[in-house]
């Protein structure tokens, strides 16, 4: 039986957001696999949302779009995902916020707080050309210990400080010894960064 896409995983997220895939729509057999993920995957998505994404969304305040959540094996292969990707297990999501965040008056204070913390941690001012997704990345990095995440990655986009999305992963099981922050793109593998190094991507 296909998953009920209307299932609400939290106040701000539905199951449909994590299963939707333009890539899957290319072939009927991919659609079947993508929208029938099984109970284990739905359980992992529920954990990801409850532990990481909903706390981030509710405290950050600005709407987040899920550009990629669960990926069935054929979809993951089609988009060039690795065989160990947490997307395959429903443990990761690529998150975006639109650039309306950069000028929204209600978020002036949050933007300034993030910029102030970047300066405080790096000793350098935040650049003026940061995109909205970098503010989300920086926010998660600054509160890395407050959210039950395994990994946050600044991915693709137009260079440092301008990610195309923010990859956030969380999984049930033994507590992780350390949270991982990284920079991912077509030219380099994700590497572990310190909080200061991660924030410095925006300076």
N, C-alpha and C. Protein backbone atom coordinates (compact mmCIF):
# COMPACT_ATOMS: atom_id res chain seq x y z
N UNK A 1 0.85 -1.20 0.00
CA UNK A 1 0.00 0.00 0.00
C UNK A 1 0.88 1.25 0.00
N UNK A 2 0.61 2.21 -0.90
CA UNK A 2 1.42 3.44 -0.93
C UNK A 2 1.34 4.18 0.40
N UNK A 3 2.40 4.87 0.73
CA UNK A 3 2.42 5.66 1.96
C UNK A 3 1.39 6.78 1.87
N UNK A 4 0.82 7.13 3.00
CA UNK A 4 -0.15 8.23 3.04
C UNK A 4 0.63 9.54 3.05
N UNK A 5 0.67 10.22 1.91
CA UNK A 5 1.48 11.42 1.78
C UNK A 5 0.99 12.56 2.66
N UNK A 6 -0.26 12.49 3.08
CA UNK A 6 -0.81 13.56 3.91
C UNK A 6 -0.40 13.43 5.38
N UNK A 7 0.27 12.33 5.73
CA UNK A 7 0.69 12.13 7.11
C UNK A 7 1.53 13.30 7.59
N UNK A 8 1.15 13.86 8.72
CA UNK A 8 1.90 14.99 9.27
C UNK A 8 2.93 14.45 10.26
N UNK A 9 4.19 14.74 9.98
CA UNK A 9 5.28 14.28 10.84
C UNK A 9 5.54 15.23 12.00
N UNK A 10 5.12 16.48 11.83
CA UNK A 10 5.31 17.50 12.86
C UNK A 10 4.43 18.69 12.49
N UNK A 11 4.38 19.72 13.32
CA UNK A 11 3.55 20.89 12.96
C UNK A 11 3.93 21.53 11.63
N UNK A 12 5.18 21.41 11.22
CA UNK A 12 5.62 22.10 10.00
C UNK A 12 5.95 21.19 8.83
N UNK A 13 5.93 19.87 9.01
CA UNK A 13 6.37 18.98 7.93
C UNK A 13 5.40 17.81 7.73
N UNK A 14 5.17 17.48 6.44
CA UNK A 14 4.37 16.32 6.09
C UNK A 14 5.26 15.27 5.43
N UNK A 15 4.78 14.04 5.40
CA UNK A 15 5.54 12.96 4.77
C UNK A 15 5.78 13.25 3.29
N UNK A 16 4.80 13.86 2.62
CA UNK A 16 4.93 14.14 1.19
C UNK A 16 6.18 14.92 0.86
N UNK A 17 6.57 15.85 1.73
CA UNK A 17 7.74 16.69 1.48
C UNK A 17 9.03 15.87 1.39
N UNK A 18 9.06 14.72 2.05
CA UNK A 18 10.27 13.92 2.11
C UNK A 18 10.29 12.79 1.09
N UNK A 19 9.17 12.55 0.44
CA UNK A 19 9.11 11.50 -0.58
C UNK A 19 9.07 12.07 -1.99
N UNK A 20 8.62 13.32 -2.13
CA UNK A 20 8.49 13.94 -3.45
C UNK A 20 9.84 13.92 -4.17
N UNK A 21 9.81 13.55 -5.45
CA UNK A 21 11.05 13.49 -6.22
C UNK A 21 10.75 13.69 -7.71
N UNK A 22 11.29 14.76 -8.28
CA UNK A 22 11.15 14.97 -9.72
C UNK A 22 11.86 13.87 -10.49
N UNK A 23 12.98 13.40 -9.96
CA UNK A 23 13.75 12.34 -10.62
C UNK A 23 12.92 11.07 -10.72
N UNK A 24 12.21 10.73 -9.65
CA UNK A 24 11.41 9.51 -9.63
C UNK A 24 10.30 9.53 -10.68
N UNK A 25 9.84 10.74 -11.02
CA UNK A 25 8.73 10.85 -11.96
C UNK A 25 9.12 10.43 -13.39
N UNK A 26 10.40 10.21 -13.62
CA UNK A 26 10.84 9.86 -14.98
C UNK A 26 10.39 8.46 -15.39
N UNK A 27 10.28 7.54 -14.42
CA UNK A 27 9.94 6.16 -14.75
C UNK A 27 8.92 5.63 -13.76
N UNK A 28 7.89 4.91 -14.27
CA UNK A 28 6.86 4.38 -13.37
C UNK A 28 7.43 3.50 -12.26
N UNK A 29 8.45 2.69 -12.59
CA UNK A 29 9.00 1.80 -11.57
C UNK A 29 9.76 2.58 -10.49
N UNK A 30 10.28 3.73 -10.85
CA UNK A 30 10.93 4.57 -9.84
C UNK A 30 9.89 5.20 -8.92
N UNK A 31 8.77 5.59 -9.48
CA UNK A 31 7.68 6.16 -8.68
C UNK A 31 7.23 5.14 -7.64
N UNK A 32 7.05 3.90 -8.07
CA UNK A 32 6.60 2.83 -7.17
C UNK A 32 7.57 2.68 -6.00
N UNK A 33 8.85 2.66 -6.28
CA UNK A 33 9.84 2.49 -5.21
C UNK A 33 9.92 3.72 -4.31
N UNK A 34 9.82 4.89 -4.90
CA UNK A 34 9.99 6.13 -4.14
C UNK A 34 8.85 6.36 -3.15
N UNK A 35 7.63 6.04 -3.56
CA UNK A 35 6.47 6.35 -2.73
C UNK A 35 5.99 5.17 -1.88
N UNK A 36 6.77 4.11 -1.84
CA UNK A 36 6.49 2.96 -0.98
C UNK A 36 7.76 2.62 -0.19
N UNK A 37 8.18 3.50 0.69
CA UNK A 37 9.49 3.35 1.32
C UNK A 37 9.56 2.30 2.43
N UNK A 38 8.45 1.87 2.95
CA UNK A 38 8.48 0.90 4.04
C UNK A 38 8.48 1.57 5.41
N UNK A 39 8.10 0.79 6.41
CA UNK A 39 7.94 1.34 7.76
C UNK A 39 9.25 1.82 8.36
N UNK A 40 10.35 1.13 8.07
CA UNK A 40 11.64 1.52 8.65
C UNK A 40 12.05 2.92 8.19
N UNK A 41 11.86 3.19 6.90
CA UNK A 41 12.21 4.51 6.37
C UNK A 41 11.30 5.58 6.96
N UNK A 42 10.01 5.31 7.03
CA UNK A 42 9.09 6.29 7.60
C UNK A 42 9.43 6.55 9.06
N UNK A 43 9.83 5.51 9.77
CA UNK A 43 10.26 5.69 11.15
C UNK A 43 11.50 6.57 11.24
N UNK A 44 12.43 6.36 10.32
CA UNK A 44 13.66 7.19 10.31
C UNK A 44 13.33 8.64 9.97
N UNK A 45 12.43 8.85 9.01
CA UNK A 45 12.03 10.21 8.67
C UNK A 45 11.35 10.89 9.86
N UNK A 46 10.52 10.14 10.56
CA UNK A 46 9.85 10.69 11.74
C UNK A 46 10.88 11.10 12.79
N UNK A 47 11.90 10.29 12.98
CA UNK A 47 12.96 10.61 13.93
C UNK A 47 13.73 11.86 13.49
N UNK A 48 14.09 11.90 12.22
CA UNK A 48 14.81 13.06 11.67
C UNK A 48 14.04 14.34 11.92
N UNK A 49 12.74 14.31 11.65
CA UNK A 49 11.93 15.50 11.82
C UNK A 49 11.80 15.87 13.30
N UNK A 50 11.46 14.89 14.14
CA UNK A 50 11.23 15.19 15.55
C UNK A 50 12.49 15.63 16.27
N UNK A 51 13.62 15.03 15.92
CA UNK A 51 14.87 15.29 16.63
C UNK A 51 15.61 16.51 16.11
N UNK A 52 15.53 16.75 14.80
CA UNK A 52 16.34 17.82 14.21
C UNK A 52 15.53 18.87 13.47
N UNK A 53 14.78 18.47 12.47
CA UNK A 53 14.21 19.47 11.57
C UNK A 53 13.12 20.32 12.20
N UNK A 54 12.22 19.71 12.96
CA UNK A 54 11.18 20.52 13.59
C UNK A 54 11.77 21.47 14.65
N UNK A 55 12.71 21.02 15.51
CA UNK A 55 13.34 21.97 16.43
C UNK A 55 14.06 23.11 15.72
N UNK A 56 14.73 22.80 14.61
CA UNK A 56 15.41 23.86 13.85
C UNK A 56 14.38 24.81 13.25
N UNK A 57 13.36 24.24 12.60
CA UNK A 57 12.34 25.08 11.95
C UNK A 57 11.59 25.95 12.95
N UNK A 58 11.24 25.39 14.09
CA UNK A 58 10.42 26.14 15.04
C UNK A 58 11.21 27.23 15.75
N UNK A 59 12.52 27.05 15.90
CA UNK A 59 13.33 28.09 16.55
C UNK A 59 13.89 29.10 15.54
N UNK A 60 14.24 28.62 14.34
CA UNK A 60 14.72 29.54 13.30
C UNK A 60 13.58 30.46 12.85
N UNK A 61 12.40 29.87 12.68
CA UNK A 61 11.21 30.67 12.42
C UNK A 61 10.81 30.84 10.98
N UNK A 62 11.77 30.76 10.07
CA UNK A 62 11.45 31.01 8.64
C UNK A 62 11.16 29.67 7.95
N UNK A 63 10.20 29.66 7.01
CA UNK A 63 9.85 28.40 6.33
C UNK A 63 11.04 27.74 5.64
N UNK A 64 11.10 26.43 5.77
CA UNK A 64 12.14 25.63 5.14
C UNK A 64 11.50 24.72 4.08
N UNK A 65 12.16 24.59 2.95
CA UNK A 65 11.71 23.68 1.90
C UNK A 65 12.62 22.46 1.88
N UNK A 66 12.04 21.28 1.76
CA UNK A 66 12.82 20.05 1.62
C UNK A 66 13.00 19.78 0.13
N UNK A 67 14.21 19.92 -0.38
CA UNK A 67 14.45 19.69 -1.80
C UNK A 67 14.75 18.22 -2.10
N UNK A 68 15.21 17.49 -1.09
CA UNK A 68 15.45 16.05 -1.25
C UNK A 68 15.44 15.41 0.14
N UNK A 69 14.57 14.42 0.32
CA UNK A 69 14.50 13.71 1.58
C UNK A 69 14.91 12.26 1.36
N UNK A 70 13.95 11.35 1.50
CA UNK A 70 14.23 9.95 1.20
C UNK A 70 14.49 9.76 -0.28
N UNK A 71 15.48 8.89 -0.59
CA UNK A 71 15.75 8.51 -1.98
C UNK A 71 15.75 6.99 -2.06
N UNK A 72 14.89 6.45 -2.90
CA UNK A 72 14.93 5.02 -3.17
C UNK A 72 16.24 4.70 -3.87
N UNK A 73 16.69 3.45 -3.86
CA UNK A 73 17.97 3.12 -4.52
C UNK A 73 18.08 3.59 -5.96
N UNK A 74 17.05 3.41 -6.83
CA UNK A 74 17.21 3.89 -8.20
C UNK A 74 17.30 5.41 -8.30
N UNK A 75 16.55 6.11 -7.46
CA UNK A 75 16.62 7.58 -7.47
C UNK A 75 17.98 8.04 -6.96
N UNK A 76 18.46 7.42 -5.91
CA UNK A 76 19.76 7.79 -5.37
C UNK A 76 20.86 7.59 -6.40
N UNK A 77 20.80 6.47 -7.12
CA UNK A 77 21.80 6.21 -8.16
C UNK A 77 21.68 7.23 -9.29
N UNK A 78 20.45 7.58 -9.66
CA UNK A 78 20.24 8.51 -10.77
C UNK A 78 20.78 9.90 -10.48
N UNK A 79 20.75 10.32 -9.20
CA UNK A 79 21.24 11.65 -8.85
C UNK A 79 22.71 11.64 -8.43
N UNK A 80 23.36 10.48 -8.53
CA UNK A 80 24.77 10.40 -8.19
C UNK A 80 25.05 10.28 -6.71
N UNK A 81 24.06 9.84 -5.93
CA UNK A 81 24.27 9.67 -4.50
C UNK A 81 25.17 8.49 -4.20
N UNK A 82 25.85 8.51 -3.06
CA UNK A 82 26.73 7.41 -2.69
C UNK A 82 25.92 6.24 -2.14
N UNK A 83 26.52 5.07 -2.14
CA UNK A 83 25.84 3.88 -1.64
C UNK A 83 25.64 3.91 -0.13
N UNK A 84 26.33 4.83 0.54
CA UNK A 84 26.21 4.96 2.00
C UNK A 84 25.41 6.19 2.39
N UNK A 85 24.75 6.83 1.42
CA UNK A 85 24.00 8.05 1.71
C UNK A 85 22.90 7.79 2.74
N UNK A 86 22.79 8.70 3.70
CA UNK A 86 21.73 8.59 4.69
C UNK A 86 20.35 8.86 4.08
N UNK A 87 20.32 9.47 2.89
CA UNK A 87 19.05 9.66 2.19
C UNK A 87 18.37 8.31 1.90
N UNK A 88 19.16 7.28 1.66
CA UNK A 88 18.61 5.96 1.36
C UNK A 88 17.83 5.37 2.52
N UNK A 89 18.16 5.81 3.72
CA UNK A 89 17.54 5.27 4.94
C UNK A 89 16.48 6.19 5.51
N UNK A 90 16.29 7.34 4.87
CA UNK A 90 15.34 8.31 5.42
C UNK A 90 15.92 9.08 6.60
N UNK A 91 17.25 9.15 6.66
CA UNK A 91 17.92 9.80 7.79
C UNK A 91 18.48 11.18 7.45
N UNK A 92 18.21 11.68 6.24
CA UNK A 92 18.78 12.96 5.84
C UNK A 92 17.82 13.72 4.95
N UNK A 93 17.97 15.04 4.97
CA UNK A 93 17.17 15.91 4.10
C UNK A 93 18.01 17.10 3.67
N UNK A 94 17.82 17.51 2.43
CA UNK A 94 18.44 18.73 1.93
C UNK A 94 17.43 19.85 2.10
N UNK A 95 17.82 20.90 2.83
CA UNK A 95 16.89 21.95 3.23
C UNK A 95 17.28 23.29 2.59
N UNK A 96 16.28 24.06 2.23
CA UNK A 96 16.49 25.37 1.62
C UNK A 96 15.55 26.39 2.24
N UNK A 97 15.99 27.65 2.28
CA UNK A 97 15.09 28.75 2.56
C UNK A 97 15.25 29.76 1.43
N UNK A 98 14.18 30.46 1.11
CA UNK A 98 14.27 31.38 -0.01
C UNK A 98 14.93 32.70 0.40
N UNK A 99 15.39 33.44 -0.59
CA UNK A 99 16.14 34.66 -0.31
C UNK A 99 15.28 35.80 0.20
N UNK A 100 13.97 35.57 0.33
CA UNK A 100 13.13 36.55 1.00
C UNK A 100 13.58 36.75 2.45
N UNK A 101 14.25 35.73 3.00
CA UNK A 101 14.76 35.84 4.36
C UNK A 101 15.73 37.01 4.51
N UNK A 102 16.44 37.32 3.43
CA UNK A 102 17.49 38.35 3.50
C UNK A 102 16.95 39.75 3.72
N UNK A 103 15.68 39.98 3.38
CA UNK A 103 15.11 41.32 3.51
C UNK A 103 13.86 41.36 4.38
N UNK A 104 13.42 40.21 4.88
CA UNK A 104 12.21 40.17 5.70
C UNK A 104 12.42 40.95 7.00
N UNK A 105 11.66 42.03 7.23
CA UNK A 105 11.86 42.86 8.43
C UNK A 105 11.76 42.08 9.74
N UNK A 106 10.88 41.08 9.79
CA UNK A 106 10.71 40.31 11.02
C UNK A 106 11.94 39.50 11.39
N UNK A 107 12.87 39.36 10.45
CA UNK A 107 14.06 38.55 10.70
C UNK A 107 15.34 39.39 10.75
N UNK A 108 15.18 40.72 10.80
CA UNK A 108 16.35 41.60 10.91
C UNK A 108 17.21 41.23 12.11
N UNK A 109 16.56 41.02 13.25
CA UNK A 109 17.28 40.74 14.48
C UNK A 109 18.03 39.42 14.39
N UNK A 110 17.40 38.39 13.83
CA UNK A 110 18.06 37.09 13.70
C UNK A 110 19.26 37.19 12.78
N UNK A 111 19.11 37.87 11.65
CA UNK A 111 20.24 38.02 10.73
C UNK A 111 21.41 38.72 11.42
N UNK A 112 21.11 39.77 12.16
CA UNK A 112 22.17 40.52 12.83
C UNK A 112 22.83 39.69 13.92
N UNK A 113 22.06 38.88 14.63
CA UNK A 113 22.65 38.03 15.66
C UNK A 113 23.59 37.00 15.05
N UNK A 114 23.18 36.42 13.93
CA UNK A 114 24.04 35.44 13.26
C UNK A 114 25.32 36.12 12.76
N UNK A 115 25.19 37.29 12.16
CA UNK A 115 26.37 38.00 11.67
C UNK A 115 27.31 38.37 12.81
N UNK A 116 26.73 38.77 13.95
CA UNK A 116 27.54 39.13 15.10
C UNK A 116 28.31 37.92 15.63
N UNK A 117 27.64 36.76 15.65
CA UNK A 117 28.31 35.55 16.13
C UNK A 117 29.40 35.11 15.17
N UNK A 118 29.19 35.30 13.87
CA UNK A 118 30.23 34.96 12.90
C UNK A 118 31.48 35.81 13.16
N UNK A 119 31.27 37.11 13.36
CA UNK A 119 32.40 38.01 13.64
C UNK A 119 33.09 37.61 14.95
N UNK A 120 32.30 37.30 15.95
CA UNK A 120 32.83 36.93 17.26
C UNK A 120 33.69 35.68 17.19
N UNK A 121 33.22 34.67 16.41
CA UNK A 121 33.95 33.39 16.35
C UNK A 121 35.13 33.42 15.39
N UNK A 122 35.04 34.20 14.32
CA UNK A 122 36.09 34.17 13.31
C UNK A 122 37.02 35.37 13.36
N UNK A 123 36.57 36.46 13.99
CA UNK A 123 37.36 37.67 14.00
C UNK A 123 37.24 38.47 12.72
N UNK A 124 36.32 38.05 11.84
CA UNK A 124 36.12 38.74 10.57
C UNK A 124 34.64 38.99 10.36
N UNK A 125 34.27 40.05 9.65
CA UNK A 125 32.85 40.32 9.41
C UNK A 125 32.27 39.36 8.38
N UNK A 126 30.99 39.08 8.51
CA UNK A 126 30.30 38.27 7.51
C UNK A 126 30.20 39.06 6.21
N UNK A 127 30.36 38.37 5.09
CA UNK A 127 30.27 39.03 3.79
C UNK A 127 28.84 39.49 3.52
N UNK A 128 28.72 40.47 2.65
CA UNK A 128 27.40 41.00 2.31
C UNK A 128 26.68 40.17 1.26
N UNK A 129 27.40 39.23 0.60
CA UNK A 129 26.76 38.47 -0.47
C UNK A 129 26.30 37.08 -0.02
N UNK A 130 26.21 36.86 1.28
CA UNK A 130 25.75 35.55 1.77
C UNK A 130 24.31 35.31 1.30
N UNK A 131 24.01 34.07 0.91
CA UNK A 131 22.62 33.79 0.56
C UNK A 131 21.86 33.30 1.79
N UNK A 132 20.57 33.15 1.65
CA UNK A 132 19.74 32.77 2.78
C UNK A 132 20.12 31.41 3.33
N UNK A 133 20.46 30.48 2.45
CA UNK A 133 20.81 29.14 2.92
C UNK A 133 22.02 29.15 3.83
N UNK A 134 22.93 30.10 3.62
CA UNK A 134 24.09 30.15 4.52
C UNK A 134 23.68 30.58 5.92
N UNK A 135 22.70 31.46 6.03
CA UNK A 135 22.22 31.83 7.36
C UNK A 135 21.65 30.62 8.08
N UNK A 136 20.94 29.76 7.35
CA UNK A 136 20.42 28.54 7.96
C UNK A 136 21.57 27.64 8.39
N UNK A 137 22.56 27.48 7.52
CA UNK A 137 23.74 26.66 7.84
C UNK A 137 24.42 27.20 9.09
N UNK A 138 24.66 28.51 9.13
CA UNK A 138 25.35 29.11 10.27
C UNK A 138 24.54 28.95 11.55
N UNK A 139 23.24 29.09 11.44
CA UNK A 139 22.36 28.95 12.61
C UNK A 139 22.49 27.55 13.21
N UNK A 140 22.47 26.54 12.34
CA UNK A 140 22.59 25.16 12.83
C UNK A 140 23.97 24.91 13.42
N UNK A 141 25.01 25.40 12.74
CA UNK A 141 26.37 25.24 13.24
C UNK A 141 26.53 25.88 14.62
N UNK A 142 25.99 27.07 14.79
CA UNK A 142 26.13 27.78 16.06
C UNK A 142 25.41 27.06 17.20
N UNK A 143 24.37 26.29 16.86
CA UNK A 143 23.61 25.58 17.89
C UNK A 143 23.74 24.07 17.71
N UNK A 144 24.87 23.64 17.19
CA UNK A 144 25.07 22.25 16.83
C UNK A 144 24.78 21.29 17.97
N UNK A 145 25.08 21.69 19.20
CA UNK A 145 24.86 20.80 20.34
C UNK A 145 23.42 20.82 20.84
N UNK A 146 22.62 21.74 20.34
CA UNK A 146 21.22 21.83 20.77
C UNK A 146 20.30 20.93 19.94
N UNK A 147 20.77 20.53 18.77
CA UNK A 147 19.95 19.72 17.88
C UNK A 147 20.53 18.31 17.78
N UNK A 148 19.65 17.32 17.75
CA UNK A 148 20.12 15.94 17.70
C UNK A 148 20.51 15.50 16.32
N UNK A 149 21.50 16.15 15.73
CA UNK A 149 21.88 15.83 14.36
C UNK A 149 23.22 15.09 14.30
N UNK A 150 23.37 14.31 13.23
CA UNK A 150 24.66 13.65 12.97
C UNK A 150 25.57 14.57 12.17
N UNK A 151 24.95 15.32 11.25
CA UNK A 151 25.75 16.00 10.24
C UNK A 151 25.00 17.20 9.65
N UNK A 152 25.73 18.28 9.42
CA UNK A 152 25.20 19.41 8.67
C UNK A 152 26.25 19.78 7.62
N UNK A 153 25.81 19.91 6.37
CA UNK A 153 26.76 20.16 5.28
C UNK A 153 26.30 21.33 4.42
N UNK A 154 27.24 22.20 4.11
CA UNK A 154 27.09 23.33 3.18
C UNK A 154 27.34 22.73 1.80
N UNK A 155 26.30 22.57 0.97
CA UNK A 155 26.46 21.82 -0.27
C UNK A 155 26.21 22.63 -1.54
N UNK A 156 27.10 22.38 -2.52
CA UNK A 156 26.99 22.94 -3.87
C UNK A 156 26.79 24.45 -3.86
N UNK A 157 26.00 24.98 -4.79
CA UNK A 157 25.77 26.42 -4.83
C UNK A 157 26.85 27.18 -5.57
N UNK A 158 26.98 28.45 -5.22
CA UNK A 158 27.88 29.37 -5.94
C UNK A 158 29.15 29.66 -5.17
N UNK A 159 29.56 28.74 -4.34
CA UNK A 159 30.80 28.92 -3.59
C UNK A 159 30.54 29.10 -2.10
N UNK A 160 31.62 29.31 -1.36
CA UNK A 160 31.53 29.46 0.09
C UNK A 160 30.59 30.61 0.45
N UNK A 161 29.71 30.34 1.38
CA UNK A 161 28.75 31.35 1.81
C UNK A 161 27.49 31.41 0.98
N UNK A 162 27.42 30.57 -0.07
CA UNK A 162 26.25 30.59 -0.96
C UNK A 162 25.85 29.16 -1.34
N UNK A 163 25.54 28.33 -0.35
CA UNK A 163 25.17 26.94 -0.65
C UNK A 163 23.83 26.83 -1.38
N UNK A 164 23.70 25.79 -2.20
CA UNK A 164 22.43 25.54 -2.88
C UNK A 164 21.41 25.00 -1.90
N UNK A 165 21.88 24.29 -0.89
CA UNK A 165 21.02 23.76 0.16
C UNK A 165 21.89 23.39 1.36
N UNK A 166 21.22 23.04 2.44
CA UNK A 166 21.90 22.61 3.66
C UNK A 166 21.46 21.18 3.94
N UNK A 167 22.40 20.27 3.92
CA UNK A 167 22.14 18.86 4.19
C UNK A 167 22.15 18.65 5.70
N UNK A 168 21.06 18.08 6.23
CA UNK A 168 20.95 17.83 7.66
C UNK A 168 20.58 16.37 7.85
N UNK A 169 21.34 15.66 8.68
CA UNK A 169 21.11 14.24 8.91
C UNK A 169 21.00 13.94 10.40
N UNK A 170 20.15 12.98 10.73
CA UNK A 170 19.99 12.52 12.10
C UNK A 170 19.53 11.08 12.08
N UNK A 171 20.04 10.28 13.00
CA UNK A 171 19.67 8.87 13.04
C UNK A 171 19.53 8.41 14.48
N UNK A 172 18.64 7.45 14.70
CA UNK A 172 18.45 6.88 16.02
C UNK A 172 19.63 5.96 16.34
N UNK A 173 19.75 5.59 17.59
CA UNK A 173 20.84 4.71 17.98
C UNK A 173 21.71 5.36 19.02
N UNK A 174 22.90 4.79 19.27
CA UNK A 174 23.80 5.36 20.28
C UNK A 174 24.15 6.80 19.96
N UNK A 175 24.29 7.66 20.96
CA UNK A 175 24.67 9.06 20.71
C UNK A 175 25.98 9.13 19.94
N UNK A 176 26.06 10.06 19.01
CA UNK A 176 27.29 10.23 18.24
C UNK A 176 28.36 10.89 19.11
N UNK A 177 29.60 10.46 18.93
CA UNK A 177 30.69 11.04 19.71
C UNK A 177 30.89 12.50 19.35
N UNK A 178 30.63 12.84 18.10
CA UNK A 178 30.80 14.23 17.68
C UNK A 178 29.87 14.52 16.51
N UNK A 179 29.37 15.74 16.46
CA UNK A 179 28.57 16.16 15.32
C UNK A 179 29.54 16.53 14.20
N UNK A 180 29.14 16.31 12.97
CA UNK A 180 30.02 16.61 11.85
C UNK A 180 29.49 17.80 11.06
N UNK A 181 30.38 18.76 10.82
CA UNK A 181 30.07 19.90 9.96
C UNK A 181 30.97 19.79 8.75
N UNK A 182 30.42 20.05 7.56
CA UNK A 182 31.25 19.86 6.39
C UNK A 182 30.89 20.75 5.22
N UNK A 183 31.75 20.70 4.24
CA UNK A 183 31.58 21.42 2.97
C UNK A 183 31.57 20.37 1.88
N UNK A 184 30.49 20.29 1.12
CA UNK A 184 30.41 19.30 0.06
C UNK A 184 30.17 19.96 -1.28
N UNK A 185 30.83 19.48 -2.32
CA UNK A 185 30.60 19.98 -3.67
C UNK A 185 31.10 18.95 -4.67
N UNK A 186 31.03 19.26 -5.92
CA UNK A 186 31.42 18.30 -6.95
C UNK A 186 32.92 18.04 -6.97
N UNK A 187 33.70 18.95 -6.43
CA UNK A 187 35.15 18.84 -6.55
C UNK A 187 35.82 18.21 -5.34
N UNK A 188 35.13 18.16 -4.20
CA UNK A 188 35.78 17.61 -3.01
C UNK A 188 34.78 16.84 -2.17
N UNK A 189 35.29 15.87 -1.46
CA UNK A 189 34.47 15.12 -0.53
C UNK A 189 34.18 15.98 0.69
N UNK A 190 33.12 15.62 1.39
CA UNK A 190 32.79 16.34 2.60
C UNK A 190 33.91 16.15 3.61
N UNK A 191 34.36 17.24 4.19
CA UNK A 191 35.41 17.18 5.19
C UNK A 191 34.92 17.76 6.49
N UNK A 192 35.44 17.25 7.59
CA UNK A 192 35.03 17.74 8.90
C UNK A 192 35.57 19.14 9.14
N UNK A 193 34.74 20.02 9.64
CA UNK A 193 35.13 21.39 9.94
C UNK A 193 34.85 21.68 11.41
N UNK A 194 35.62 22.57 11.99
CA UNK A 194 35.29 23.08 13.31
C UNK A 194 34.19 24.13 13.16
N UNK A 195 33.61 24.54 14.28
CA UNK A 195 32.59 25.59 14.22
C UNK A 195 33.17 26.84 13.58
N UNK A 196 34.37 27.22 13.98
CA UNK A 196 34.99 28.43 13.44
C UNK A 196 35.24 28.30 11.95
N UNK A 197 35.74 27.15 11.51
CA UNK A 197 35.98 26.94 10.08
C UNK A 197 34.68 26.97 9.29
N UNK A 198 33.63 26.38 9.84
CA UNK A 198 32.34 26.38 9.15
C UNK A 198 31.80 27.79 8.99
N UNK A 199 31.88 28.59 10.06
CA UNK A 199 31.39 29.96 10.00
C UNK A 199 32.25 30.82 9.08
N UNK A 200 33.54 30.51 9.00
CA UNK A 200 34.46 31.28 8.17
C UNK A 200 34.14 31.17 6.69
N UNK A 201 33.32 30.18 6.30
CA UNK A 201 32.90 30.07 4.91
C UNK A 201 32.09 31.32 4.50
N UNK A 202 31.58 32.03 5.49
CA UNK A 202 30.78 33.22 5.20
C UNK A 202 31.54 34.52 5.38
N UNK A 203 32.87 34.46 5.47
CA UNK A 203 33.65 35.70 5.67
C UNK A 203 34.60 35.93 4.50
